[in-house]
Amino acid sequence: MPAKTDPRDVSGASRYYYRRALSARDLLPAIGAGVAVGLAAFYVVRVMLEREPLVPDGKASAGGRPPRQRDRQSPTHARGG
């Protein structure tokens, strides 16, 4: 029975990798892309939070929305000046 051999190639093990220091000019495209994605996500979330529901949730009366607080004032209060 033959001995198990190492399937890895040994000839490519001598490659040398290094990381160079990035300047601010090199980072500007990445920073710009991050800001653009952040603004787009903020806009989408804001639109989703401000939209009206298509189906009422049942809390309102059958006639529509309940009156606002300022519409519930007694008729004795005069509006205007």
N, C-alpha and C. Protein backbone atom coordinates (compact mmCIF):
# COMPACT_ATOMS: atom_id res chain seq x y z
N MET A 1 0.84 -1.15 0.00
CA MET A 1 0.00 0.00 0.00
C MET A 1 0.91 1.24 0.00
N PRO A 2 0.64 2.19 -0.93
CA PRO A 2 1.50 3.38 -1.00
C PRO A 2 1.23 4.34 0.16
N ALA A 3 2.23 5.09 0.52
CA ALA A 3 2.10 6.07 1.60
C ALA A 3 1.30 7.26 1.09
N LYS A 4 0.61 7.92 1.99
CA LYS A 4 -0.17 9.10 1.62
C LYS A 4 0.79 10.23 1.30
N THR A 5 0.52 10.89 0.19
CA THR A 5 1.36 12.02 -0.20
C THR A 5 0.64 13.32 0.04
N ASP A 6 1.40 14.38 0.20
CA ASP A 6 0.83 15.71 0.41
C ASP A 6 0.36 16.25 -0.94
N PRO A 7 -0.93 16.54 -1.14
CA PRO A 7 -1.42 17.00 -2.44
C PRO A 7 -1.08 18.45 -2.76
N ARG A 8 -0.56 19.19 -1.80
CA ARG A 8 -0.24 20.61 -2.04
C ARG A 8 1.01 20.75 -2.88
N ASP A 9 1.00 21.80 -3.71
CA ASP A 9 2.16 22.10 -4.54
C ASP A 9 3.15 22.91 -3.71
N VAL A 10 4.37 22.43 -3.59
CA VAL A 10 5.37 23.09 -2.77
C VAL A 10 6.08 24.20 -3.54
N SER A 11 6.05 24.18 -4.85
CA SER A 11 6.81 25.15 -5.63
C SER A 11 6.27 26.58 -5.50
N GLY A 12 5.00 26.77 -5.20
CA GLY A 12 4.42 28.10 -5.11
C GLY A 12 4.45 28.69 -3.72
N ALA A 13 5.13 28.09 -2.79
CA ALA A 13 5.12 28.55 -1.41
C ALA A 13 6.07 29.72 -1.17
N SER A 14 6.88 30.10 -2.12
CA SER A 14 7.86 31.14 -1.89
C SER A 14 7.38 32.53 -2.33
N ARG A 15 6.10 32.71 -2.60
CA ARG A 15 5.60 34.03 -2.99
C ARG A 15 5.58 34.95 -1.78
N TYR A 16 5.84 36.21 -2.04
CA TYR A 16 5.90 37.20 -0.97
C TYR A 16 4.82 38.24 -1.22
N TYR A 17 3.95 38.45 -0.25
CA TYR A 17 2.89 39.46 -0.34
C TYR A 17 3.16 40.54 0.69
N TYR A 18 2.83 41.77 0.33
CA TYR A 18 2.98 42.86 1.28
C TYR A 18 1.81 43.82 1.11
N ARG A 19 1.52 44.56 2.15
CA ARG A 19 0.48 45.58 2.10
C ARG A 19 1.14 46.94 2.12
N ARG A 20 0.75 47.76 1.19
CA ARG A 20 1.31 49.11 1.18
C ARG A 20 0.39 50.03 1.98
N ALA A 21 0.93 51.10 2.47
CA ALA A 21 0.14 52.07 3.22
C ALA A 21 -0.70 52.88 2.25
N LEU A 22 -1.97 53.07 2.57
CA LEU A 22 -2.87 53.82 1.71
C LEU A 22 -2.91 55.27 2.15
N SER A 23 -2.88 56.14 1.18
CA SER A 23 -2.98 57.56 1.48
C SER A 23 -4.46 57.95 1.45
N ALA A 24 -4.74 59.19 1.84
CA ALA A 24 -6.12 59.68 1.84
C ALA A 24 -6.68 59.71 0.42
N ARG A 25 -5.83 59.98 -0.55
CA ARG A 25 -6.28 60.01 -1.95
C ARG A 25 -6.72 58.62 -2.42
N ASP A 26 -6.06 57.59 -1.94
CA ASP A 26 -6.44 56.23 -2.29
C ASP A 26 -7.75 55.81 -1.63
N LEU A 27 -8.06 56.40 -0.48
CA LEU A 27 -9.27 56.03 0.26
C LEU A 27 -10.51 56.81 -0.16
N LEU A 28 -10.36 57.91 -0.89
CA LEU A 28 -11.51 58.74 -1.25
C LEU A 28 -12.60 57.99 -2.00
N PRO A 29 -12.32 57.15 -3.01
CA PRO A 29 -13.41 56.43 -3.67
C PRO A 29 -14.19 55.52 -2.73
N ALA A 30 -13.49 54.85 -1.82
CA ALA A 30 -14.18 53.97 -0.88
C ALA A 30 -15.02 54.78 0.10
N ILE A 31 -14.51 55.92 0.56
CA ILE A 31 -15.27 56.77 1.47
C ILE A 31 -16.50 57.32 0.76
N GLY A 32 -16.34 57.76 -0.48
CA GLY A 32 -17.47 58.28 -1.25
C GLY A 32 -18.54 57.22 -1.48
N ALA A 33 -18.13 56.02 -1.79
CA ALA A 33 -19.10 54.93 -1.99
C ALA A 33 -19.83 54.63 -0.69
N GLY A 34 -19.13 54.64 0.43
CA GLY A 34 -19.77 54.40 1.72
C GLY A 34 -20.78 55.46 2.08
N VAL A 35 -20.45 56.72 1.82
CA VAL A 35 -21.38 57.82 2.09
C VAL A 35 -22.61 57.70 1.19
N ALA A 36 -22.41 57.38 -0.09
CA ALA A 36 -23.53 57.25 -1.02
C ALA A 36 -24.47 56.11 -0.61
N VAL A 37 -23.91 54.99 -0.22
CA VAL A 37 -24.74 53.86 0.22
C VAL A 37 -25.48 54.20 1.51
N GLY A 38 -24.82 54.90 2.41
CA GLY A 38 -25.47 55.30 3.66
C GLY A 38 -26.63 56.26 3.42
N LEU A 39 -26.45 57.23 2.53
CA LEU A 39 -27.53 58.17 2.21
C LEU A 39 -28.69 57.47 1.51
N ALA A 40 -28.39 56.54 0.62
CA ALA A 40 -29.45 55.80 -0.06
C ALA A 40 -30.24 54.95 0.94
N ALA A 41 -29.57 54.31 1.87
CA ALA A 41 -30.26 53.51 2.88
C ALA A 41 -31.11 54.40 3.78
N PHE A 42 -30.59 55.56 4.16
CA PHE A 42 -31.35 56.50 4.98
C PHE A 42 -32.61 56.95 4.26
N TYR A 43 -32.51 57.26 2.97
CA TYR A 43 -33.66 57.71 2.19
C TYR A 43 -34.71 56.61 2.10
N VAL A 44 -34.30 55.38 1.83
CA VAL A 44 -35.25 54.28 1.69
C VAL A 44 -35.97 54.03 3.01
N VAL A 45 -35.25 54.04 4.11
CA VAL A 45 -35.89 53.81 5.41
C VAL A 45 -36.83 54.95 5.74
N ARG A 46 -36.46 56.17 5.44
CA ARG A 46 -37.33 57.31 5.72
C ARG A 46 -38.61 57.24 4.91
N VAL A 47 -38.52 56.87 3.64
CA VAL A 47 -39.71 56.74 2.80
C VAL A 47 -40.60 55.62 3.33
N MET A 48 -40.00 54.51 3.73
CA MET A 48 -40.78 53.39 4.24
C MET A 48 -41.50 53.74 5.55
N LEU A 49 -40.89 54.54 6.39
CA LEU A 49 -41.52 54.92 7.65
C LEU A 49 -42.62 55.96 7.47
N GLU A 50 -42.54 56.80 6.44
CA GLU A 50 -43.50 57.88 6.26
C GLU A 50 -44.68 57.51 5.39
N ARG A 51 -44.66 56.35 4.77
CA ARG A 51 -45.74 56.01 3.85
C ARG A 51 -47.02 55.63 4.59
N GLU A 52 -48.14 55.84 3.93
CA GLU A 52 -49.43 55.47 4.49
C GLU A 52 -49.67 53.99 4.24
N PRO A 53 -50.28 53.29 5.18
CA PRO A 53 -50.58 51.88 4.94
C PRO A 53 -51.68 51.74 3.89
N LEU A 54 -51.57 50.71 3.06
CA LEU A 54 -52.57 50.50 2.01
C LEU A 54 -53.86 49.93 2.59
N VAL A 55 -53.76 49.16 3.64
CA VAL A 55 -54.92 48.56 4.29
C VAL A 55 -55.00 49.13 5.69
N PRO A 56 -56.16 49.71 6.07
CA PRO A 56 -56.26 50.24 7.43
C PRO A 56 -56.13 49.13 8.45
N ASP A 57 -55.60 49.45 9.60
CA ASP A 57 -55.34 48.43 10.61
C ASP A 57 -56.54 48.13 11.49
N GLY A 58 -57.67 48.76 11.26
CA GLY A 58 -58.88 48.46 12.01
C GLY A 58 -59.08 49.32 13.24
N LYS A 59 -58.11 50.12 13.62
CA LYS A 59 -58.24 50.97 14.80
C LYS A 59 -59.14 52.17 14.53
N ALA A 60 -59.17 52.64 13.31
CA ALA A 60 -59.98 53.80 12.95
C ALA A 60 -61.42 53.37 12.74
N SER A 61 -62.33 54.30 12.84
CA SER A 61 -63.74 53.99 12.62
C SER A 61 -63.98 53.69 11.14
N ALA A 62 -65.15 53.18 10.84
CA ALA A 62 -65.46 52.80 9.46
C ALA A 62 -65.55 54.02 8.55
N GLY A 63 -65.79 55.19 9.11
CA GLY A 63 -65.93 56.40 8.31
C GLY A 63 -64.61 57.01 7.90
N GLY A 64 -63.51 56.49 8.34
CA GLY A 64 -62.21 57.06 7.99
C GLY A 64 -61.38 57.30 9.23
N ARG A 65 -60.54 58.30 9.16
CA ARG A 65 -59.66 58.61 10.29
C ARG A 65 -60.46 59.28 11.41
N PRO A 66 -60.03 59.08 12.65
CA PRO A 66 -60.67 59.82 13.74
C PRO A 66 -60.28 61.29 13.65
N PRO A 67 -61.12 62.18 14.16
CA PRO A 67 -60.79 63.61 14.06
C PRO A 67 -59.54 63.94 14.85
N ARG A 68 -58.82 64.95 14.36
CA ARG A 68 -57.62 65.39 15.05
C ARG A 68 -57.98 66.11 16.33
N GLN A 69 -57.01 66.31 17.20
CA GLN A 69 -57.25 66.91 18.51
C GLN A 69 -57.83 68.32 18.39
N ARG A 70 -57.34 69.12 17.47
CA ARG A 70 -57.82 70.49 17.37
C ARG A 70 -59.23 70.56 16.80
N ASP A 71 -59.70 69.52 16.12
CA ASP A 71 -61.07 69.49 15.61
C ASP A 71 -62.07 69.09 16.68
N ARG A 72 -61.61 68.59 17.83
CA ARG A 72 -62.49 68.13 18.89
C ARG A 72 -62.83 69.24 19.89
N GLN A 73 -62.51 70.46 19.62
CA GLN A 73 -62.78 71.55 20.55
C GLN A 73 -64.28 71.81 20.63
N SER A 74 -64.69 72.33 21.75
CA SER A 74 -66.12 72.63 21.91
C SER A 74 -66.51 73.80 21.01
N PRO A 75 -67.79 73.82 20.59
CA PRO A 75 -68.21 74.89 19.68
C PRO A 75 -68.22 76.27 20.31
N THR A 76 -68.04 76.38 21.62
CA THR A 76 -68.05 77.69 22.26
C THR A 76 -66.76 78.46 22.02
N HIS A 77 -65.69 77.74 21.69
CA HIS A 77 -64.42 78.42 21.42
C HIS A 77 -64.48 79.04 20.04
N ALA A 78 -64.18 80.29 19.94
CA ALA A 78 -64.18 80.97 18.65
C ALA A 78 -62.81 80.83 18.03
N ARG A 79 -62.78 80.45 16.76
CA ARG A 79 -61.53 80.36 16.04
C ARG A 79 -61.19 81.71 15.45
N GLY A 80 -59.91 81.94 15.32
CA GLY A 80 -59.50 83.20 14.72
C GLY A 80 -59.08 84.19 15.77
N GLY A 81 -59.12 85.49 15.44
CA GLY A 81 -58.60 86.48 16.35
C GLY A 81 -59.54 87.28 17.04
